[in-house]
Amino acid sequence: MAFQVNNFLSFSEEIPVAQILHFKFEKLCAEPINISMQIAQFLKTPMTDACLDFIKNNIDTSKIGQFNENDSCKINEVTEYLAPEIRKLLYI
């Protein structure tokens, strides 16, 4: 994962800021309609009723924190391993 994050960060420095839309996965999970609308607007494409219906009927926002049910030692191990990268992305 660190490899992908570092590649993205390097790539993002080479393109205009206006071509990058930043959002956190947790925000997408918590506010799927709002963030999806922002993505569609960023891409200059309409948000169809079919897309909105799919989001409303198929995304369970209550599951956003389900990773917390995992072994906290494993979560801490991954967080420590990825700390430099997730710090760059303002997660910690």
Protein backbone atom coordinates (compact mmCIF):
# COMPACT_ATOMS: atom_id res chain seq x y z
CA MET A 1 0.00 0.00 0.00
CA ALA A 2 2.82 2.41 0.79
CA PHE A 3 4.06 1.96 -2.77
CA GLN A 4 0.71 3.04 -4.24
CA VAL A 5 0.41 6.02 -1.90
CA ASN A 6 3.90 7.22 -2.70
CA ASN A 7 3.31 6.79 -6.43
CA PHE A 8 0.09 8.77 -6.20
CA LEU A 9 1.73 11.53 -4.19
CA SER A 10 4.58 11.80 -6.71
CA PHE A 11 2.17 11.82 -9.63
CA SER A 12 -0.07 14.41 -7.97
CA GLU A 13 2.88 16.81 -7.74
CA GLU A 14 3.30 16.69 -11.53
CA ILE A 15 -0.23 17.60 -12.60
CA PRO A 16 -2.28 20.76 -12.07
CA VAL A 17 -4.03 20.99 -8.71
CA ALA A 18 -7.34 21.48 -10.51
CA GLN A 19 -7.06 17.94 -11.87
CA ILE A 20 -7.08 16.31 -8.43
CA LEU A 21 -10.07 15.74 -6.20
CA HIS A 22 -9.13 14.81 -2.65
CA PHE A 23 -11.54 13.10 -0.31
CA LYS A 24 -11.19 10.50 2.40
CA PHE A 25 -12.69 7.06 2.01
CA GLU A 26 -14.41 7.44 5.38
CA LYS A 27 -16.14 10.59 4.14
CA LEU A 28 -17.32 8.74 1.02
CA CYS A 29 -18.72 5.99 3.25
CA ALA A 30 -20.36 8.42 5.65
CA GLU A 31 -21.78 10.76 2.99
CA PRO A 32 -22.00 8.70 -0.21
CA ILE A 33 -24.53 10.90 -1.99
CA ASN A 34 -22.76 14.17 -1.19
CA ILE A 35 -19.30 12.89 -2.14
CA SER A 36 -20.61 11.14 -5.27
CA MET A 37 -22.23 14.39 -6.36
CA GLN A 38 -18.89 16.17 -5.83
CA ILE A 39 -17.12 13.50 -7.90
CA ALA A 40 -19.66 13.83 -10.72
CA GLN A 41 -19.33 17.62 -10.67
CA PHE A 42 -15.53 17.33 -10.69
CA LEU A 43 -15.73 15.01 -13.69
CA LYS A 44 -18.26 17.31 -15.35
CA THR A 45 -20.72 14.46 -15.75
CA PRO A 46 -24.33 14.32 -14.63
CA MET A 47 -25.39 12.33 -11.59
CA THR A 48 -28.21 10.19 -12.93
CA ASP A 49 -31.29 9.15 -11.01
CA ALA A 50 -30.18 5.54 -11.45
CA CYS A 51 -26.87 6.32 -9.72
CA LEU A 52 -28.59 8.13 -6.88
CA ASP A 53 -31.06 5.27 -6.46
CA PHE A 54 -28.20 2.77 -6.36
CA ILE A 55 -26.37 4.77 -3.70
CA LYS A 56 -29.51 5.21 -1.60
CA ASN A 57 -30.50 1.54 -1.81
CA ASN A 58 -27.17 -0.27 -1.72
CA ILE A 59 -24.71 1.58 0.50
CA ASP A 60 -24.95 0.96 4.22
CA THR A 61 -23.36 3.96 5.93
CA SER A 62 -23.63 2.25 9.32
CA LYS A 63 -20.73 -0.07 8.39
CA ILE A 64 -18.11 2.69 8.20
CA GLY A 65 -16.60 1.78 11.56
CA GLN A 66 -16.63 -1.98 11.12
CA PHE A 67 -12.82 -2.11 10.89
CA ASN A 68 -12.79 -1.13 14.58
CA GLU A 69 -14.13 -4.61 15.35
CA ASN A 70 -10.81 -6.12 14.22
CA ASP A 71 -7.90 -6.91 16.50
CA SER A 72 -6.53 -3.55 17.67
CA CYS A 73 -2.98 -4.93 17.63
CA LYS A 74 -3.29 -5.63 13.90
CA ILE A 75 -4.73 -2.17 13.26
CA ASN A 76 -1.89 -0.57 15.23
CA GLU A 77 0.68 -2.66 13.35
CA VAL A 78 -0.63 -1.49 9.97
CA THR A 79 -0.92 2.11 11.18
CA GLU A 80 2.68 2.06 12.41
CA TYR A 81 3.92 0.53 9.15
CA LEU A 82 2.11 3.09 7.01
CA ALA A 83 2.56 6.07 9.35
CA PRO A 84 4.72 8.17 6.99
CA GLU A 85 2.24 7.74 4.15
CA ILE A 86 -0.93 8.23 6.13
CA ARG A 87 0.60 11.28 7.78
CA LYS A 88 1.16 12.77 4.31
CA LEU A 89 -2.53 12.17 3.58
CA LEU A 90 -3.53 13.85 6.85
CA TYR A 91 -4.98 10.71 8.44
CA ILE A 92 -2.82 11.03 11.54
